[in-house]
Amino acid sequence: MYDEGNEIFDCPCLVYDDPGQDYSGFGDDDGSQAMQLRRSFIRLLHAAPNAPAVDVFIDNRLVANNLAYRRFTTYLPVGQGRHRVRVYPTGNRRRPVLDTTVQVAPNSIATVAVI
C-alpha cells in the first residue's frame, strides 16, 4: 500500500512522501526559474480502526479536533526539522495515546499516519 521510499520511525506512526502531489504553483512568481518548494507540509491520517476520534497537536498547537478514523487533516505548513506530535482521545488531554517527534525534511510534503 505504501511506496518503497517509506521511512518507518520507532513510534506508532508512519511518515511517507506523497508522490502523487501536484507541485505546480510553488515556483517563482514570474515562472522563469525551476520549481522551488518554499515550505514543508504535513498532514495527518487517523489510521487506527478501533480507536476513538482524536485531537492532534503539533508543537503544542491544536491542528485537528475530533479527527475520526480514516480522516485526514489538511496539509499543514511546517518548517523543516523536528516537530512534536501528540494525539489525545477527543476532549481528554490528560494522557496522550501518542507522544512522539517526527523529522520533517526540507521542501517536502508528507503524511503522518497515526496507527
N, C-alpha and C. Protein backbone atom coordinates (compact mmCIF):
# COMPACT_ATOMS: atom_id res chain seq x y z
N MET A 1 0.82 -1.19 0.00
CA MET A 1 0.00 0.00 0.00
C MET A 1 0.86 1.25 0.00
N TYR A 2 2.06 1.22 0.59
CA TYR A 2 2.93 2.38 0.63
C TYR A 2 4.12 2.18 -0.29
N ASP A 3 4.69 3.26 -0.78
CA ASP A 3 5.82 3.20 -1.69
C ASP A 3 7.07 2.67 -1.02
N GLU A 4 8.03 2.27 -1.84
CA GLU A 4 9.28 1.71 -1.33
C GLU A 4 10.08 2.73 -0.55
N GLY A 5 9.91 4.01 -0.79
CA GLY A 5 10.69 5.05 -0.14
C GLY A 5 10.20 5.43 1.24
N ASN A 6 9.32 4.63 1.82
CA ASN A 6 8.77 4.95 3.15
C ASN A 6 9.87 5.00 4.20
N GLU A 7 9.66 5.85 5.18
CA GLU A 7 10.52 5.86 6.35
C GLU A 7 9.66 5.45 7.53
N ILE A 8 10.04 4.40 8.24
CA ILE A 8 9.28 3.96 9.39
C ILE A 8 10.05 4.35 10.64
N PHE A 9 9.40 5.08 11.52
CA PHE A 9 10.02 5.56 12.74
C PHE A 9 9.73 4.60 13.87
N ASP A 10 10.52 4.65 14.93
CA ASP A 10 10.33 3.80 16.09
C ASP A 10 9.24 4.40 16.98
N CYS A 11 8.06 4.52 16.41
CA CYS A 11 6.90 5.05 17.12
C CYS A 11 5.67 4.58 16.36
N PRO A 12 4.48 4.69 16.94
CA PRO A 12 3.29 4.24 16.23
C PRO A 12 2.82 5.24 15.18
N CYS A 13 3.73 5.61 14.29
CA CYS A 13 3.34 6.49 13.19
C CYS A 13 4.19 6.15 11.99
N LEU A 14 3.73 6.52 10.82
CA LEU A 14 4.44 6.25 9.59
C LEU A 14 4.48 7.54 8.79
N VAL A 15 5.65 7.89 8.29
CA VAL A 15 5.77 9.11 7.50
C VAL A 15 6.22 8.70 6.11
N TYR A 16 5.55 9.21 5.09
CA TYR A 16 5.98 8.93 3.73
C TYR A 16 5.71 10.14 2.86
N ASP A 17 6.54 10.32 1.84
CA ASP A 17 6.31 11.39 0.88
C ASP A 17 5.08 11.08 0.07
N ASP A 18 4.41 12.10 -0.38
CA ASP A 18 3.21 11.94 -1.18
C ASP A 18 3.60 12.08 -2.65
N PRO A 19 3.95 10.98 -3.33
CA PRO A 19 4.48 11.08 -4.68
C PRO A 19 3.47 11.59 -5.70
N GLY A 20 2.19 11.52 -5.40
CA GLY A 20 1.19 12.00 -6.34
C GLY A 20 0.87 13.48 -6.19
N GLN A 21 1.55 14.16 -5.27
CA GLN A 21 1.25 15.56 -5.01
C GLN A 21 1.62 16.43 -6.21
N ASP A 22 0.74 17.34 -6.57
CA ASP A 22 0.98 18.30 -7.64
C ASP A 22 1.74 19.48 -7.07
N TYR A 23 2.98 19.66 -7.51
CA TYR A 23 3.83 20.73 -7.01
C TYR A 23 3.69 22.02 -7.82
N SER A 24 2.84 22.04 -8.82
CA SER A 24 2.70 23.25 -9.63
C SER A 24 2.20 24.40 -8.77
N GLY A 25 2.66 25.59 -9.09
CA GLY A 25 2.26 26.76 -8.34
C GLY A 25 3.19 27.11 -7.20
N PHE A 26 4.20 26.29 -6.93
CA PHE A 26 5.12 26.57 -5.85
C PHE A 26 6.38 27.29 -6.35
N GLY A 27 6.49 27.55 -7.63
CA GLY A 27 7.69 28.17 -8.19
C GLY A 27 7.70 29.67 -8.01
N ASP A 28 8.66 30.32 -8.65
CA ASP A 28 8.77 31.77 -8.59
C ASP A 28 7.56 32.43 -9.22
N ASP A 29 7.26 33.64 -8.78
CA ASP A 29 6.08 34.35 -9.26
C ASP A 29 6.10 34.54 -10.77
N ASP A 30 7.26 34.81 -11.36
CA ASP A 30 7.31 35.05 -12.80
C ASP A 30 7.41 33.75 -13.59
N GLY A 31 7.58 32.63 -12.93
CA GLY A 31 7.62 31.34 -13.59
C GLY A 31 8.88 31.08 -14.38
N SER A 32 9.90 31.94 -14.26
CA SER A 32 11.09 31.82 -15.09
C SER A 32 12.09 30.81 -14.56
N GLN A 33 12.04 30.47 -13.30
CA GLN A 33 13.01 29.53 -12.75
C GLN A 33 12.33 28.20 -12.43
N ALA A 34 13.14 27.21 -12.18
CA ALA A 34 12.62 25.89 -11.84
C ALA A 34 11.80 25.97 -10.56
N MET A 35 10.88 25.03 -10.42
CA MET A 35 10.02 24.98 -9.25
C MET A 35 10.86 24.90 -7.97
N GLN A 36 10.49 25.72 -7.00
CA GLN A 36 11.15 25.70 -5.70
C GLN A 36 10.08 25.65 -4.63
N LEU A 37 10.03 24.57 -3.90
CA LEU A 37 9.09 24.45 -2.80
C LEU A 37 9.67 25.25 -1.63
N ARG A 38 8.93 26.20 -1.13
CA ARG A 38 9.46 27.11 -0.12
C ARG A 38 9.19 26.66 1.31
N ARG A 39 8.31 25.71 1.51
CA ARG A 39 7.97 25.22 2.85
C ARG A 39 7.77 23.72 2.78
N SER A 40 7.74 23.13 3.92
CA SER A 40 7.36 21.73 4.01
C SER A 40 5.91 21.67 4.47
N PHE A 41 5.25 20.58 4.14
CA PHE A 41 3.85 20.40 4.52
C PHE A 41 3.67 18.98 5.03
N ILE A 42 2.86 18.84 6.08
CA ILE A 42 2.47 17.51 6.54
C ILE A 42 0.96 17.49 6.74
N ARG A 43 0.41 16.32 6.63
CA ARG A 43 -0.99 16.10 7.00
C ARG A 43 -1.01 14.84 7.84
N LEU A 44 -2.06 14.68 8.62
CA LEU A 44 -2.17 13.52 9.50
C LEU A 44 -3.38 12.70 9.11
N LEU A 45 -3.23 11.39 9.22
CA LEU A 45 -4.30 10.43 8.94
C LEU A 45 -4.57 9.63 10.20
N HIS A 46 -5.83 9.57 10.61
CA HIS A 46 -6.23 8.69 11.72
C HIS A 46 -6.41 7.31 11.11
N ALA A 47 -5.49 6.40 11.41
CA ALA A 47 -5.48 5.07 10.80
C ALA A 47 -5.62 3.94 11.81
N ALA A 48 -6.21 4.22 12.95
CA ALA A 48 -6.40 3.19 13.98
C ALA A 48 -7.88 2.82 14.02
N PRO A 49 -8.25 1.69 13.43
CA PRO A 49 -9.66 1.35 13.26
C PRO A 49 -10.46 1.20 14.54
N ASN A 50 -9.86 0.80 15.63
CA ASN A 50 -10.61 0.58 16.87
C ASN A 50 -10.44 1.71 17.87
N ALA A 51 -9.86 2.81 17.44
CA ALA A 51 -9.62 3.94 18.34
C ALA A 51 -10.71 4.99 18.18
N PRO A 52 -10.96 5.74 19.24
CA PRO A 52 -11.97 6.82 19.14
C PRO A 52 -11.41 7.99 18.34
N ALA A 53 -12.25 8.96 18.08
CA ALA A 53 -11.80 10.20 17.44
C ALA A 53 -10.75 10.85 18.34
N VAL A 54 -9.86 11.63 17.73
CA VAL A 54 -8.72 12.19 18.47
C VAL A 54 -8.56 13.68 18.21
N ASP A 55 -7.85 14.32 19.14
CA ASP A 55 -7.38 15.69 18.98
C ASP A 55 -5.87 15.61 18.74
N VAL A 56 -5.39 16.33 17.74
CA VAL A 56 -3.98 16.25 17.36
C VAL A 56 -3.30 17.60 17.57
N PHE A 57 -2.14 17.55 18.22
CA PHE A 57 -1.34 18.74 18.47
C PHE A 57 0.02 18.58 17.80
N ILE A 58 0.48 19.61 17.15
CA ILE A 58 1.85 19.67 16.64
C ILE A 58 2.51 20.85 17.32
N ASP A 59 3.60 20.58 18.01
CA ASP A 59 4.33 21.62 18.73
C ASP A 59 3.41 22.43 19.64
N ASN A 60 2.57 21.72 20.39
CA ASN A 60 1.64 22.31 21.36
C ASN A 60 0.53 23.16 20.74
N ARG A 61 0.31 23.02 19.44
CA ARG A 61 -0.76 23.76 18.76
C ARG A 61 -1.79 22.76 18.26
N LEU A 62 -3.05 22.98 18.62
CA LEU A 62 -4.13 22.10 18.17
C LEU A 62 -4.29 22.26 16.65
N VAL A 63 -4.12 21.15 15.92
CA VAL A 63 -4.24 21.21 14.46
C VAL A 63 -5.42 20.40 13.95
N ALA A 64 -5.97 19.51 14.80
CA ALA A 64 -7.14 18.73 14.41
C ALA A 64 -7.95 18.41 15.66
N ASN A 65 -9.23 18.69 15.59
CA ASN A 65 -10.13 18.43 16.70
C ASN A 65 -11.15 17.38 16.25
N ASN A 66 -11.30 16.31 17.05
CA ASN A 66 -12.29 15.28 16.79
C ASN A 66 -12.05 14.58 15.44
N LEU A 67 -10.78 14.30 15.14
CA LEU A 67 -10.41 13.62 13.90
C LEU A 67 -10.81 12.16 13.99
N ALA A 68 -11.68 11.71 13.11
CA ALA A 68 -12.22 10.35 13.14
C ALA A 68 -11.36 9.40 12.29
N TYR A 69 -11.53 8.11 12.54
CA TYR A 69 -10.85 7.07 11.77
C TYR A 69 -11.09 7.28 10.28
N ARG A 70 -10.02 7.11 9.50
CA ARG A 70 -9.99 7.25 8.04
C ARG A 70 -10.04 8.71 7.57
N ARG A 71 -9.96 9.65 8.47
CA ARG A 71 -10.00 11.08 8.08
C ARG A 71 -8.59 11.67 8.10
N PHE A 72 -8.36 12.62 7.18
CA PHE A 72 -7.10 13.35 7.08
C PHE A 72 -7.29 14.78 7.56
N THR A 73 -6.22 15.37 8.04
CA THR A 73 -6.21 16.83 8.22
C THR A 73 -5.90 17.43 6.86
N THR A 74 -5.99 18.73 6.76
CA THR A 74 -5.49 19.41 5.57
C THR A 74 -3.97 19.40 5.63
N TYR A 75 -3.31 19.75 4.53
CA TYR A 75 -1.86 19.89 4.57
C TYR A 75 -1.52 21.11 5.41
N LEU A 76 -0.62 20.93 6.36
CA LEU A 76 -0.25 21.98 7.30
C LEU A 76 1.17 22.44 7.01
N PRO A 77 1.39 23.74 6.84
CA PRO A 77 2.76 24.22 6.60
C PRO A 77 3.58 24.13 7.88
N VAL A 78 4.77 23.56 7.77
CA VAL A 78 5.69 23.45 8.89
C VAL A 78 7.10 23.73 8.39
N GLY A 79 7.95 24.11 9.29
CA GLY A 79 9.35 24.28 8.95
C GLY A 79 10.05 22.93 8.96
N GLN A 80 11.19 22.87 8.33
CA GLN A 80 11.97 21.64 8.38
C GLN A 80 12.44 21.39 9.80
N GLY A 81 12.78 20.16 10.09
CA GLY A 81 13.30 19.82 11.40
C GLY A 81 12.35 18.96 12.20
N ARG A 82 12.61 18.92 13.50
CA ARG A 82 11.85 18.06 14.41
C ARG A 82 10.58 18.76 14.90
N HIS A 83 9.49 18.00 14.93
CA HIS A 83 8.22 18.52 15.43
C HIS A 83 7.60 17.48 16.36
N ARG A 84 7.12 17.97 17.49
CA ARG A 84 6.47 17.08 18.46
C ARG A 84 5.00 16.90 18.07
N VAL A 85 4.59 15.65 17.98
CA VAL A 85 3.20 15.31 17.65
C VAL A 85 2.62 14.58 18.85
N ARG A 86 1.51 15.12 19.35
CA ARG A 86 0.79 14.48 20.45
C ARG A 86 -0.65 14.27 20.03
N VAL A 87 -1.18 13.09 20.34
CA VAL A 87 -2.54 12.72 19.98
C VAL A 87 -3.26 12.27 21.24
N TYR A 88 -4.43 12.85 21.46
CA TYR A 88 -5.25 12.55 22.63
C TYR A 88 -6.63 12.09 22.18
N PRO A 89 -7.29 11.23 22.98
CA PRO A 89 -8.71 11.00 22.71
C PRO A 89 -9.44 12.35 22.79
N THR A 90 -10.38 12.57 21.92
CA THR A 90 -11.07 13.86 21.88
C THR A 90 -11.60 14.25 23.26
N GLY A 91 -11.24 15.47 23.66
CA GLY A 91 -11.71 16.03 24.91
C GLY A 91 -10.96 15.58 26.16
N ASN A 92 -9.96 14.72 26.02
CA ASN A 92 -9.23 14.22 27.18
C ASN A 92 -7.74 14.48 26.99
N ARG A 93 -7.24 15.52 27.61
CA ARG A 93 -5.84 15.90 27.40
C ARG A 93 -4.95 15.53 28.58
N ARG A 94 -5.33 14.52 29.32
CA ARG A 94 -4.51 14.10 30.47
C ARG A 94 -3.35 13.22 30.05
N ARG A 95 -3.63 12.25 29.20
CA ARG A 95 -2.61 11.28 28.80
C ARG A 95 -2.68 11.02 27.30
N PRO A 96 -1.66 11.40 26.53
CA PRO A 96 -1.73 11.19 25.08
C PRO A 96 -1.63 9.70 24.72
N VAL A 97 -2.30 9.33 23.63
CA VAL A 97 -2.16 7.98 23.11
C VAL A 97 -0.92 7.89 22.22
N LEU A 98 -0.42 9.02 21.81
CA LEU A 98 0.82 9.11 21.04
C LEU A 98 1.52 10.39 21.43
N ASP A 99 2.80 10.29 21.73
CA ASP A 99 3.62 11.46 22.04
C ASP A 99 4.99 11.16 21.43
N THR A 100 5.25 11.74 20.28
CA THR A 100 6.48 11.42 19.55
C THR A 100 6.99 12.65 18.81
N THR A 101 8.15 12.51 18.24
CA THR A 101 8.74 13.56 17.43
C THR A 101 8.96 13.01 16.03
N VAL A 102 8.61 13.80 15.03
CA VAL A 102 8.86 13.42 13.64
C VAL A 102 9.85 14.40 13.03
N GLN A 103 10.66 13.90 12.14
CA GLN A 103 11.64 14.72 11.43
C GLN A 103 11.05 15.08 10.07
N VAL A 104 10.94 16.36 9.78
CA VAL A 104 10.39 16.82 8.51
C VAL A 104 11.55 17.31 7.65
N ALA A 105 11.67 16.72 6.48
CA ALA A 105 12.73 17.10 5.55
C ALA A 105 12.43 18.47 4.94
N PRO A 106 13.46 19.21 4.54
CA PRO A 106 13.21 20.50 3.90
C PRO A 106 12.50 20.29 2.56
N ASN A 107 11.63 21.24 2.25
CA ASN A 107 10.94 21.25 0.95
C ASN A 107 10.23 19.93 0.64
N SER A 108 9.47 19.42 1.60
CA SER A 108 8.82 18.12 1.43
C SER A 108 7.33 18.21 1.71
N ILE A 109 6.65 17.20 1.24
CA ILE A 109 5.22 17.03 1.53
C ILE A 109 5.08 15.59 2.01
N ALA A 110 4.50 15.40 3.21
CA ALA A 110 4.43 14.07 3.80
C ALA A 110 3.11 13.86 4.51
N THR A 111 2.78 12.60 4.73
CA THR A 111 1.61 12.22 5.51
C THR A 111 2.08 11.43 6.72
N VAL A 112 1.54 11.76 7.88
CA VAL A 112 1.82 11.04 9.11
C VAL A 112 0.55 10.23 9.41
N ALA A 113 0.67 8.91 9.38
CA ALA A 113 -0.46 8.05 9.69
C ALA A 113 -0.34 7.60 11.14
N VAL A 114 -1.32 7.95 11.94
CA VAL A 114 -1.32 7.56 13.35
C VAL A 114 -2.02 6.21 13.43
N ILE A 115 -1.23 5.16 13.78
CA ILE A 115 -1.76 3.79 13.80
C ILE A 115 -1.58 3.14 15.14
